[in-house]
């Protein structure tokens, strides 16, 4: 803060009877000394120090975060995961199969995930469970083959 000081000067009548001088206290007395360039330098120093403080603070927080992570030595092994859920299971691919006849399956010639070609026999029905017309057609086929 500045204080006003009144001064009586009786020796010099040409000057104002009361001159006002300011006495500056504390840091305010350095303001006239500092020029504009000095203020810019001080401001830059404050900005640089703030940037350094923020950077070091970020590095410390990242270090603390890394220390809180749980890590283990890498080993080769089997991964076992148990998943519990409710809902509907649907296949990625599906096909509608239509059968020309019904009966019991006697033999299945393929396994799951086997590749098959067109014309491959996938399964065979038991002859005892076949419909009567299939049995008659087979008998006719045998008779026709003998007559050739």
N, C-alpha and C. Protein backbone atom coordinates (compact mmCIF):
# COMPACT_ATOMS: atom_id res chain seq x y z
N UNK A 1 0.85 -1.18 0.00
CA UNK A 1 0.00 0.00 0.00
C UNK A 1 0.89 1.24 0.00
N UNK A 2 0.39 2.26 -0.56
CA UNK A 2 1.15 3.52 -0.60
C UNK A 2 0.60 4.46 0.47
N UNK A 3 1.49 5.19 1.06
CA UNK A 3 1.10 6.21 2.05
C UNK A 3 1.39 7.57 1.46
N UNK A 4 0.48 8.46 1.64
CA UNK A 4 0.72 9.83 1.20
C UNK A 4 1.42 10.59 2.31
N UNK A 5 2.41 11.31 1.94
CA UNK A 5 3.17 12.11 2.91
C UNK A 5 3.09 13.56 2.47
N UNK A 6 2.65 14.39 3.37
CA UNK A 6 2.58 15.84 3.08
C UNK A 6 3.88 16.48 3.52
N UNK A 7 4.36 17.35 2.70
CA UNK A 7 5.62 18.01 3.01
C UNK A 7 5.44 19.52 2.86
N UNK A 8 5.77 20.27 3.87
CA UNK A 8 5.75 21.74 3.78
C UNK A 8 7.11 22.22 3.38
N UNK A 9 7.14 23.04 2.37
CA UNK A 9 8.41 23.60 1.91
C UNK A 9 8.30 25.12 1.98
N UNK A 10 8.78 25.68 3.04
CA UNK A 10 8.66 27.13 3.24
C UNK A 10 9.76 27.90 2.53
N UNK A 11 10.86 27.26 2.13
CA UNK A 11 11.97 27.96 1.49
C UNK A 11 11.67 28.28 0.06
N UNK A 12 10.93 27.46 -0.63
CA UNK A 12 10.66 27.67 -2.05
C UNK A 12 9.19 28.01 -2.20
N UNK A 13 8.90 29.23 -2.48
CA UNK A 13 7.51 29.68 -2.59
C UNK A 13 6.94 29.41 -3.97
N UNK A 14 7.81 29.19 -4.96
CA UNK A 14 7.33 28.97 -6.32
C UNK A 14 6.73 27.57 -6.47
N UNK A 15 7.15 26.64 -5.69
CA UNK A 15 6.60 25.29 -5.79
C UNK A 15 5.27 25.23 -5.06
N UNK A 16 4.61 24.20 -5.23
CA UNK A 16 3.33 24.03 -4.55
C UNK A 16 3.54 24.02 -3.06
N UNK A 17 2.63 24.61 -2.33
CA UNK A 17 2.80 24.64 -0.89
C UNK A 17 2.82 23.24 -0.29
N UNK A 18 2.07 22.32 -0.89
CA UNK A 18 2.05 20.96 -0.35
C UNK A 18 2.41 20.00 -1.49
N UNK A 19 3.50 19.34 -1.37
CA UNK A 19 3.86 18.32 -2.34
C UNK A 19 3.43 16.98 -1.79
N UNK A 20 2.98 16.15 -2.66
CA UNK A 20 2.54 14.82 -2.23
C UNK A 20 3.54 13.81 -2.77
N UNK A 21 4.15 13.05 -1.88
CA UNK A 21 5.06 11.98 -2.26
C UNK A 21 4.43 10.67 -1.80
N UNK A 22 4.74 9.63 -2.52
CA UNK A 22 4.24 8.30 -2.15
C UNK A 22 5.39 7.47 -1.64
N UNK A 23 5.16 6.83 -0.54
CA UNK A 23 6.15 5.89 -0.03
C UNK A 23 5.56 4.49 -0.24
N UNK A 24 6.24 3.67 -1.01
CA UNK A 24 5.74 2.34 -1.33
C UNK A 24 6.24 1.35 -0.30
N UNK A 25 5.39 0.38 0.02
CA UNK A 25 5.75 -0.63 1.00
C UNK A 25 5.89 -1.99 0.31
N UNK A 26 6.71 -2.84 0.85
CA UNK A 26 6.85 -4.23 0.41
C UNK A 26 7.25 -4.34 -1.04
N UNK A 27 6.61 -5.29 -1.72
CA UNK A 27 6.98 -5.59 -3.10
C UNK A 27 6.60 -4.47 -4.06
N UNK A 28 5.69 -3.59 -3.64
CA UNK A 28 5.24 -2.51 -4.53
C UNK A 28 6.36 -1.55 -4.88
N UNK A 29 7.39 -1.43 -4.06
CA UNK A 29 8.47 -0.50 -4.38
C UNK A 29 9.33 -0.99 -5.54
N UNK A 30 9.21 -2.31 -5.89
CA UNK A 30 9.99 -2.85 -7.01
C UNK A 30 9.27 -2.71 -8.33
N UNK A 31 7.98 -2.35 -8.32
CA UNK A 31 7.21 -2.24 -9.56
C UNK A 31 7.83 -1.23 -10.52
N UNK A 32 8.22 -0.06 -10.10
CA UNK A 32 8.83 0.85 -11.08
C UNK A 32 10.15 0.32 -11.64
N UNK A 33 10.84 -0.51 -10.89
CA UNK A 33 12.13 -1.02 -11.34
C UNK A 33 11.93 -2.04 -12.46
N UNK A 34 10.93 -2.90 -12.30
CA UNK A 34 10.70 -3.95 -13.28
C UNK A 34 10.09 -3.35 -14.54
N UNK A 35 10.66 -3.73 -15.64
CA UNK A 35 10.14 -3.25 -16.91
C UNK A 35 9.24 -4.31 -17.51
N UNK A 36 8.66 -3.98 -18.61
CA UNK A 36 7.74 -4.89 -19.28
C UNK A 36 8.42 -6.21 -19.65
N UNK A 37 9.66 -6.14 -20.07
CA UNK A 37 10.40 -7.34 -20.46
C UNK A 37 10.60 -8.25 -19.25
N UNK A 38 10.85 -7.69 -18.12
CA UNK A 38 11.04 -8.48 -16.91
C UNK A 38 9.76 -9.21 -16.54
N UNK A 39 8.62 -8.56 -16.68
CA UNK A 39 7.35 -9.22 -16.38
C UNK A 39 7.11 -10.40 -17.31
N UNK A 40 7.46 -10.23 -18.57
CA UNK A 40 7.29 -11.33 -19.54
C UNK A 40 8.17 -12.51 -19.14
N UNK A 41 9.40 -12.24 -18.74
CA UNK A 41 10.32 -13.31 -18.33
C UNK A 41 9.78 -14.02 -17.10
N UNK A 42 9.31 -13.25 -16.12
CA UNK A 42 8.76 -13.87 -14.90
C UNK A 42 7.54 -14.71 -15.25
N UNK A 43 6.67 -14.22 -16.11
CA UNK A 43 5.49 -14.97 -16.51
C UNK A 43 5.87 -16.26 -17.21
N UNK A 44 6.86 -16.21 -18.10
CA UNK A 44 7.33 -17.42 -18.78
C UNK A 44 7.90 -18.43 -17.79
N UNK A 45 8.65 -17.95 -16.82
CA UNK A 45 9.19 -18.86 -15.81
C UNK A 45 8.09 -19.54 -15.03
N UNK A 46 7.05 -18.80 -14.68
CA UNK A 46 5.92 -19.40 -13.96
C UNK A 46 5.23 -20.44 -14.81
N UNK A 47 5.03 -20.16 -16.10
CA UNK A 47 4.39 -21.11 -17.00
C UNK A 47 5.24 -22.37 -17.15
N UNK A 48 6.55 -22.20 -17.32
CA UNK A 48 7.44 -23.36 -17.46
C UNK A 48 7.44 -24.19 -16.19
N UNK A 49 7.50 -23.55 -15.05
CA UNK A 49 7.48 -24.30 -13.78
C UNK A 49 6.16 -25.03 -13.61
N UNK A 50 5.06 -24.42 -14.02
CA UNK A 50 3.76 -25.09 -13.96
C UNK A 50 3.70 -26.30 -14.87
N UNK A 51 4.26 -26.17 -16.07
CA UNK A 51 4.29 -27.31 -17.01
C UNK A 51 5.13 -28.44 -16.46
N UNK A 52 6.26 -28.11 -15.85
CA UNK A 52 7.12 -29.16 -15.25
C UNK A 52 6.38 -29.84 -14.12
N UNK A 53 5.68 -29.09 -13.30
CA UNK A 53 4.95 -29.67 -12.18
C UNK A 53 3.83 -30.59 -12.67
N UNK A 54 3.10 -30.16 -13.70
CA UNK A 54 2.01 -30.99 -14.24
C UNK A 54 2.56 -32.27 -14.84
N UNK A 55 3.66 -32.18 -15.58
CA UNK A 55 4.26 -33.37 -16.19
C UNK A 55 4.73 -34.35 -15.14
N UNK A 56 5.40 -33.87 -14.12
CA UNK A 56 5.87 -34.78 -13.08
C UNK A 56 4.71 -35.39 -12.30
N UNK A 57 3.64 -34.62 -12.13
CA UNK A 57 2.46 -35.15 -11.46
C UNK A 57 1.83 -36.27 -12.28
N UNK A 58 1.74 -36.10 -13.61
CA UNK A 58 1.19 -37.13 -14.49
C UNK A 58 2.05 -38.39 -14.45
N UNK A 59 3.38 -38.21 -14.45
CA UNK A 59 4.27 -39.37 -14.41
C UNK A 59 4.10 -40.12 -13.10
N UNK A 60 3.95 -39.40 -12.00
CA UNK A 60 3.74 -40.06 -10.71
C UNK A 60 2.43 -40.82 -10.69
N UNK A 61 1.37 -40.25 -11.25
CA UNK A 61 0.08 -40.93 -11.25
C UNK A 61 0.12 -42.17 -12.15
N UNK A 62 0.83 -42.10 -13.27
CA UNK A 62 0.97 -43.28 -14.13
C UNK A 62 1.78 -44.35 -13.42
N UNK A 63 2.83 -43.96 -12.72
CA UNK A 63 3.64 -44.92 -11.97
C UNK A 63 2.81 -45.60 -10.89
N UNK A 64 1.98 -44.83 -10.19
CA UNK A 64 1.11 -45.41 -9.16
C UNK A 64 0.10 -46.36 -9.77
N UNK A 65 -0.43 -46.02 -10.95
CA UNK A 65 -1.39 -46.89 -11.62
C UNK A 65 -0.73 -48.20 -12.03
N UNK A 66 0.49 -48.14 -12.56
CA UNK A 66 1.20 -49.34 -12.97
C UNK A 66 1.53 -50.23 -11.78
N UNK A 67 1.83 -49.62 -10.64
CA UNK A 67 2.15 -50.41 -9.46
C UNK A 67 0.91 -51.12 -8.91
N UNK A 68 -0.27 -50.60 -9.18
CA UNK A 68 -1.48 -51.21 -8.65
C UNK A 68 -1.96 -52.39 -9.50
N UNK A 69 -1.40 -52.58 -10.71
CA UNK A 69 -1.79 -53.69 -11.57
C UNK A 69 -1.21 -55.00 -11.04
N UNK A 70 -1.97 -56.07 -11.22
CA UNK A 70 -1.48 -57.38 -10.83
C UNK A 70 -0.86 -58.05 -12.05
N UNK A 71 0.36 -58.52 -11.91
CA UNK A 71 1.05 -59.18 -13.01
C UNK A 71 1.57 -60.53 -12.53
N UNK A 72 1.74 -61.44 -13.47
CA UNK A 72 2.28 -62.77 -13.18
C UNK A 72 3.27 -63.14 -14.27
N UNK A 73 4.10 -64.11 -13.96
CA UNK A 73 5.06 -64.64 -14.93
C UNK A 73 4.29 -65.41 -16.00
N UNK A 74 4.67 -65.26 -17.26
CA UNK A 74 4.00 -65.94 -18.36
C UNK A 74 4.39 -67.41 -18.35
N UNK A 75 3.38 -68.28 -18.39
CA UNK A 75 3.63 -69.72 -18.48
C UNK A 75 2.70 -70.30 -19.54
N UNK A 76 3.13 -71.40 -20.12
CA UNK A 76 2.32 -72.07 -21.13
C UNK A 76 1.43 -73.07 -20.42
N UNK A 77 0.15 -73.06 -20.76
CA UNK A 77 -0.78 -73.98 -20.13
C UNK A 77 -2.14 -73.91 -20.79
N UNK A 78 -3.06 -74.67 -20.25
CA UNK A 78 -4.42 -74.70 -20.76
C UNK A 78 -5.23 -73.58 -20.13
N UNK A 79 -6.10 -73.02 -20.91
CA UNK A 79 -6.99 -71.97 -20.43
C UNK A 79 -8.35 -72.60 -20.21
N UNK A 80 -8.83 -72.50 -19.00
CA UNK A 80 -10.13 -73.06 -18.66
C UNK A 80 -11.02 -71.91 -18.22
N UNK A 81 -12.14 -71.79 -18.87
CA UNK A 81 -13.08 -70.73 -18.51
C UNK A 81 -14.47 -71.33 -18.37
N UNK A 82 -15.16 -70.97 -17.34
CA UNK A 82 -16.52 -71.42 -17.13
C UNK A 82 -17.43 -70.22 -17.31
N UNK A 83 -18.40 -70.40 -18.18
CA UNK A 83 -19.32 -69.31 -18.47
C UNK A 83 -20.72 -69.76 -18.08
N UNK A 84 -21.37 -68.97 -17.28
CA UNK A 84 -22.74 -69.28 -16.91
C UNK A 84 -23.65 -68.21 -17.48
N UNK A 85 -24.67 -68.64 -18.21
CA UNK A 85 -25.59 -67.67 -18.81
C UNK A 85 -26.92 -68.33 -19.08
N UNK A 86 -27.92 -67.52 -19.28
CA UNK A 86 -29.23 -68.02 -19.66
C UNK A 86 -29.60 -67.41 -21.00
N UNK A 87 -30.40 -68.12 -21.74
CA UNK A 87 -30.81 -67.59 -23.03
C UNK A 87 -31.03 -68.71 -24.03
N UNK A 88 -31.11 -68.34 -25.27
CA UNK A 88 -31.35 -69.28 -26.35
C UNK A 88 -30.07 -69.48 -27.14
N UNK A 89 -29.74 -70.74 -27.40
CA UNK A 89 -28.55 -71.07 -28.19
C UNK A 89 -29.00 -71.30 -29.62
N UNK A 90 -28.36 -70.62 -30.56
CA UNK A 90 -28.68 -70.81 -31.98
C UNK A 90 -27.38 -71.12 -32.72
N UNK A 91 -27.48 -71.93 -33.73
CA UNK A 91 -26.33 -72.32 -34.53
C UNK A 91 -26.01 -71.22 -35.55
N UNK A 92 -24.72 -71.14 -35.93
CA UNK A 92 -24.33 -70.18 -36.97
C UNK A 92 -24.91 -70.60 -38.32
N UNK A 93 -24.92 -71.88 -38.57
CA UNK A 93 -25.46 -72.40 -39.82
C UNK A 93 -26.43 -73.51 -39.48
N UNK A 94 -27.47 -73.61 -40.26
CA UNK A 94 -28.41 -74.71 -40.06
C UNK A 94 -28.99 -75.09 -41.42
N UNK A 95 -29.52 -76.28 -41.48
CA UNK A 95 -30.12 -76.75 -42.73
C UNK A 95 -31.35 -77.59 -42.37
N UNK A 96 -32.37 -77.45 -43.17
CA UNK A 96 -33.56 -78.28 -43.01
C UNK A 96 -33.37 -79.55 -43.83
N UNK A 97 -33.47 -80.67 -43.17
CA UNK A 97 -33.31 -81.96 -43.85
C UNK A 97 -34.70 -82.58 -44.04
N UNK A 98 -34.96 -83.01 -45.22
CA UNK A 98 -36.24 -83.69 -45.48
C UNK A 98 -35.93 -85.12 -45.90
N UNK A 99 -36.61 -86.04 -45.28
CA UNK A 99 -36.36 -87.44 -45.52
C UNK A 99 -37.46 -87.99 -46.44
N UNK A 100 -37.04 -88.90 -47.29
CA UNK A 100 -38.02 -89.51 -48.18
C UNK A 100 -38.75 -90.66 -47.49
N UNK A 101 -38.16 -91.13 -46.42
CA UNK A 101 -38.78 -92.23 -45.69
C UNK A 101 -38.41 -92.11 -44.22
N UNK A 102 -39.06 -92.91 -43.40
CA UNK A 102 -38.72 -92.91 -41.98
C UNK A 102 -38.24 -94.29 -41.58
N UNK A 103 -37.59 -94.36 -40.42
CA UNK A 103 -37.08 -95.64 -39.94
C UNK A 103 -36.00 -95.42 -38.91
N UNK A 104 -35.42 -96.56 -38.44
CA UNK A 104 -34.34 -96.48 -37.47
C UNK A 104 -33.00 -96.50 -38.18
N UNK A 105 -32.07 -95.71 -37.63
CA UNK A 105 -30.75 -95.63 -38.24
C UNK A 105 -29.93 -96.82 -37.75
N UNK A 106 -29.30 -97.50 -38.69
CA UNK A 106 -28.47 -98.66 -38.36
C UNK A 106 -27.01 -98.24 -38.23
N UNK A 107 -26.52 -97.41 -39.16
CA UNK A 107 -25.11 -97.04 -39.19
C UNK A 107 -25.00 -95.55 -39.55
N UNK A 108 -24.12 -94.84 -38.84
CA UNK A 108 -23.80 -93.45 -39.20
C UNK A 108 -22.37 -93.47 -39.73
N UNK A 109 -22.19 -93.03 -40.97
CA UNK A 109 -20.90 -93.15 -41.65
C UNK A 109 -19.99 -91.93 -41.47
N UNK A 110 -20.44 -90.85 -40.87
CA UNK A 110 -19.62 -89.65 -40.72
C UNK A 110 -19.63 -89.21 -39.26
N UNK A 111 -18.63 -88.40 -38.92
CA UNK A 111 -18.53 -87.84 -37.57
C UNK A 111 -18.73 -86.33 -37.65
N UNK A 112 -18.87 -85.70 -36.51
CA UNK A 112 -19.04 -84.25 -36.46
C UNK A 112 -17.78 -83.58 -37.03
N UNK A 113 -17.98 -82.57 -37.85
CA UNK A 113 -16.92 -81.78 -38.51
C UNK A 113 -16.19 -82.53 -39.61
N UNK A 114 -16.67 -83.72 -40.01
CA UNK A 114 -16.09 -84.40 -41.17
C UNK A 114 -16.53 -83.67 -42.43
N UNK A 115 -15.63 -83.66 -43.43
CA UNK A 115 -15.99 -83.08 -44.73
C UNK A 115 -16.63 -84.19 -45.57
N UNK A 116 -17.69 -83.82 -46.22
CA UNK A 116 -18.38 -84.80 -47.07
C UNK A 116 -18.49 -84.26 -48.48
N UNK A 117 -18.61 -85.17 -49.41
CA UNK A 117 -18.76 -84.83 -50.82
C UNK A 117 -20.20 -85.14 -51.24
N UNK A 118 -20.57 -84.57 -52.36
CA UNK A 118 -21.90 -84.85 -52.89
C UNK A 118 -21.99 -86.34 -53.25
N UNK A 119 -23.04 -86.96 -52.81
CA UNK A 119 -23.25 -88.38 -53.10
C UNK A 119 -22.76 -89.32 -52.01
N UNK A 120 -22.05 -88.82 -51.00
CA UNK A 120 -21.60 -89.67 -49.89
C UNK A 120 -22.81 -90.15 -49.09
N UNK A 121 -22.74 -91.39 -48.65
CA UNK A 121 -23.81 -91.96 -47.81
C UNK A 121 -23.50 -91.57 -46.38
N UNK A 122 -24.40 -90.79 -45.76
CA UNK A 122 -24.19 -90.32 -44.40
C UNK A 122 -24.63 -91.34 -43.37
N UNK A 123 -25.73 -92.03 -43.65
CA UNK A 123 -26.23 -93.05 -42.71
C UNK A 123 -27.07 -94.07 -43.46
N UNK A 124 -27.34 -95.20 -42.78
CA UNK A 124 -28.16 -96.26 -43.38
C UNK A 124 -29.24 -96.63 -42.38
N UNK A 125 -30.41 -96.96 -42.93
CA UNK A 125 -31.53 -97.36 -42.09
C UNK A 125 -31.52 -98.87 -41.89
N UNK A 126 -32.09 -99.31 -40.76
CA UNK A 126 -32.26 -100.74 -40.53
C UNK A 126 -33.33 -101.25 -41.50
N UNK A 127 -33.09 -102.40 -42.05
CA UNK A 127 -34.05 -102.93 -43.04
C UNK A 127 -35.37 -103.33 -42.38
N UNK A 128 -35.34 -103.67 -41.13
CA UNK A 128 -36.58 -104.10 -40.47
C UNK A 128 -37.51 -102.93 -40.18
N UNK A 129 -36.97 -101.72 -40.13
CA UNK A 129 -37.82 -100.57 -39.81
C UNK A 129 -38.25 -99.82 -41.06
N UNK A 130 -37.87 -100.31 -42.23
CA UNK A 130 -38.22 -99.60 -43.47
C UNK A 130 -39.70 -99.82 -43.79
N UNK A 131 -40.22 -98.89 -44.55
CA UNK A 131 -41.62 -99.01 -44.98
C UNK A 131 -41.75 -100.17 -45.97
N UNK A 132 -42.95 -100.70 -46.07
CA UNK A 132 -43.21 -101.89 -46.89
C UNK A 132 -42.91 -101.63 -48.37
N UNK A 133 -43.17 -100.43 -48.86
CA UNK A 133 -42.94 -100.15 -50.28
C UNK A 133 -41.44 -100.11 -50.63
N UNK A 134 -40.58 -99.74 -49.65
CA UNK A 134 -39.14 -99.75 -49.89
C UNK A 134 -38.64 -101.18 -49.97
N UNK A 135 -39.15 -102.02 -49.11
CA UNK A 135 -38.74 -103.44 -49.15
C UNK A 135 -39.19 -104.06 -50.47
N UNK A 136 -40.37 -103.74 -50.92
CA UNK A 136 -40.87 -104.27 -52.20
C UNK A 136 -40.04 -103.75 -53.36
N UNK A 137 -39.62 -102.46 -53.31
CA UNK A 137 -38.82 -101.89 -54.39
C UNK A 137 -37.46 -102.56 -54.44
N UNK A 138 -36.88 -102.88 -53.29
CA UNK A 138 -35.58 -103.58 -53.28
C UNK A 138 -35.72 -104.99 -53.86
N UNK A 139 -36.81 -105.65 -53.52
CA UNK A 139 -37.03 -106.99 -54.06
C UNK A 139 -37.17 -106.94 -55.57
N UNK A 140 -37.88 -105.91 -56.08
CA UNK A 140 -38.03 -105.76 -57.52
C UNK A 140 -36.68 -105.49 -58.19
N UNK A 141 -35.83 -104.73 -57.52
CA UNK A 141 -34.51 -104.42 -58.05
C UNK A 141 -33.68 -105.69 -58.17
N UNK A 142 -33.72 -106.54 -57.15
CA UNK A 142 -32.96 -107.81 -57.18
C UNK A 142 -33.49 -108.70 -58.30
N UNK A 143 -34.76 -108.73 -58.49
CA UNK A 143 -35.36 -109.56 -59.55
C UNK A 143 -34.95 -109.04 -60.92
N UNK A 144 -34.95 -107.72 -61.09
CA UNK A 144 -34.57 -107.14 -62.37
C UNK A 144 -33.12 -107.40 -62.69
N UNK A 145 -32.25 -107.37 -61.67
CA UNK A 145 -30.82 -107.62 -61.88
C UNK A 145 -30.60 -109.07 -62.27
N UNK A 146 -31.39 -110.01 -61.75
CA UNK A 146 -31.22 -111.44 -62.09
C UNK A 146 -31.69 -111.73 -63.52
N UNK A 147 -32.67 -110.97 -63.95
CA UNK A 147 -33.20 -111.22 -65.28
C UNK A 147 -32.30 -110.67 -66.37
N UNK A 148 -31.35 -109.87 -66.07
CA UNK A 148 -30.46 -109.35 -67.09
C UNK A 148 -29.53 -110.40 -67.52
